[in-house]
Amino acid sequence: MLIFNYPSKKNMKEFIGKPLCYRETSIFGNEYVPDGNLTGCNRPHITGHSREFFATVTLKDGLITKVK
């Protein structure tokens, strides 16, 4: 699962139209794809942000188009 480097899902929605800020965690290869849906979370003990959340992000051409 990807780790999203945003303080909250609400803040993440403010970055629609911009590239995704994330951290890969899989030992089996990269999970990031520039087109499609990605599911991830924010882990406060890793990112330093105080809120934990999970989200599904839709990307097109490497830019965020939707956050659920």
C-alpha atoms as a PDB file:
ATOM      1  CA  MET A   1       0.000   0.000   0.000  1.00  0.00           C
ATOM      2  CA  LEU A   2       1.260   3.467  -0.836  1.00  0.00           C
ATOM      3  CA  ILE A   3       1.781   6.009   1.906  1.00  0.00           C
ATOM      4  CA  PHE A   4       0.318   9.395   0.975  1.00  0.00           C
ATOM      5  CA  ASN A   5       2.306  12.347   2.306  1.00  0.00           C
ATOM      6  CA  TYR A   6      -0.590  14.693   3.108  1.00  0.00           C
ATOM      7  CA  PRO A   7      -1.895  15.795   6.532  1.00  0.00           C
ATOM      8  CA  SER A   8      -5.526  14.846   5.728  1.00  0.00           C
ATOM      9  CA  LYS A   9      -7.782  13.617   2.945  1.00  0.00           C
ATOM     10  CA  LYS A  10      -9.323  17.104   2.787  1.00  0.00           C
ATOM     11  CA  ASN A  11      -5.862  18.580   2.194  1.00  0.00           C
ATOM     12  CA  MET A  12      -5.161  15.932  -0.418  1.00  0.00           C
ATOM     13  CA  LYS A  13      -8.239  17.062  -2.378  1.00  0.00           C
ATOM     14  CA  GLU A  14      -6.695  20.542  -2.614  1.00  0.00           C
ATOM     15  CA  PHE A  15      -3.937  19.018  -4.770  1.00  0.00           C
ATOM     16  CA  ILE A  16      -6.262  17.856  -7.568  1.00  0.00           C
ATOM     17  CA  GLY A  17      -4.500  18.631 -10.842  1.00  0.00           C
ATOM     18  CA  LYS A  18      -1.036  18.197  -9.323  1.00  0.00           C
ATOM     19  CA  PRO A  19       1.329  15.197  -9.046  1.00  0.00           C
ATOM     20  CA  LEU A  20       0.847  12.756  -6.172  1.00  0.00           C
ATOM     21  CA  CYS A  21       3.215  12.991  -3.191  1.00  0.00           C
ATOM     22  CA  TYR A  22       3.673   9.423  -1.929  1.00  0.00           C
ATOM     23  CA  ARG A  23       6.074   6.799  -0.602  1.00  0.00           C
ATOM     24  CA  GLU A  24       6.369   3.257  -1.935  1.00  0.00           C
ATOM     25  CA  THR A  25       6.215   0.456   0.652  1.00  0.00           C
ATOM     26  CA  SER A  26       5.989  -2.753  -1.371  1.00  0.00           C
ATOM     27  CA  ILE A  27       8.980  -5.082  -1.419  1.00  0.00           C
ATOM     28  CA  PHE A  28       7.566  -6.685  -4.574  1.00  0.00           C
ATOM     29  CA  GLY A  29       7.976  -3.674  -6.858  1.00  0.00           C
ATOM     30  CA  ASN A  30       6.464  -0.261  -7.412  1.00  0.00           C
ATOM     31  CA  GLU A  31       2.711   0.124  -6.958  1.00  0.00           C
ATOM     32  CA  TYR A  32       2.503   3.595  -8.490  1.00  0.00           C
ATOM     33  CA  VAL A  33       0.939   3.866 -11.943  1.00  0.00           C
ATOM     34  CA  PRO A  34       0.496   7.230 -13.690  1.00  0.00           C
ATOM     35  CA  ASP A  35      -2.982   6.299 -14.997  1.00  0.00           C
ATOM     36  CA  GLY A  36      -5.616   4.546 -12.916  1.00  0.00           C
ATOM     37  CA  ASN A  37      -6.678   4.104  -9.294  1.00  0.00           C
ATOM     38  CA  LEU A  38      -4.329   3.831  -6.327  1.00  0.00           C
ATOM     39  CA  THR A  39      -5.289   3.021  -2.758  1.00  0.00           C
ATOM     40  CA  GLY A  40      -3.133   4.182   0.097  1.00  0.00           C
ATOM     41  CA  CYS A  41      -3.021   5.719   3.528  1.00  0.00           C
ATOM     42  CA  ASN A  42      -1.248   8.186   5.752  1.00  0.00           C
ATOM     43  CA  ARG A  43       0.716   6.581   8.572  1.00  0.00           C
ATOM     44  CA  PRO A  44       1.438   9.265  11.193  1.00  0.00           C
ATOM     45  CA  HIS A  45       4.441   7.442  12.677  1.00  0.00           C
ATOM     46  CA  ILE A  46       6.114   7.486   9.233  1.00  0.00           C
ATOM     47  CA  THR A  47       5.047  10.854   7.740  1.00  0.00           C
ATOM     48  CA  GLY A  48       4.899  12.911  10.919  1.00  0.00           C
ATOM     49  CA  HIS A  49       1.347  14.128  10.146  1.00  0.00           C
ATOM     50  CA  SER A  50      -1.081  13.695  13.037  1.00  0.00           C
ATOM     51  CA  ARG A  51      -4.060  12.160  11.195  1.00  0.00           C
ATOM     52  CA  GLU A  52      -4.353   8.628   9.849  1.00  0.00           C
ATOM     53  CA  PHE A  53      -6.565   8.181   6.784  1.00  0.00           C
ATOM     54  CA  PHE A  54      -7.144   5.868   3.852  1.00  0.00           C
ATOM     55  CA  ALA A  55      -7.976   7.053   0.333  1.00  0.00           C
ATOM     56  CA  THR A  56      -8.388   5.936  -3.238  1.00  0.00           C
ATOM     57  CA  VAL A  57      -6.881   8.343  -5.747  1.00  0.00           C
ATOM     58  CA  THR A  58      -7.586   8.459  -9.466  1.00  0.00           C
ATOM     59  CA  LEU A  59      -4.678   9.612 -11.632  1.00  0.00           C
ATOM     60  CA  LYS A  60      -4.500  10.600 -15.275  1.00  0.00           C
ATOM     61  CA  ASP A  61      -1.154  11.392 -16.900  1.00  0.00           C
ATOM     62  CA  GLY A  62       0.430  11.387 -13.416  1.00  0.00           C
ATOM     63  CA  LEU A  63      -1.919  14.082 -12.046  1.00  0.00           C
ATOM     64  CA  ILE A  64      -4.581  13.657  -9.357  1.00  0.00           C
ATOM     65  CA  THR A  65      -8.092  13.834 -10.823  1.00  0.00           C
ATOM     66  CA  LYS A  66     -10.179  12.454  -7.934  1.00  0.00           C
ATOM     67  CA  VAL A  67      -9.812  11.577  -4.230  1.00  0.00           C
ATOM     68  CA  LYS A  68     -12.281   9.234  -2.473  1.00  0.00           C
END
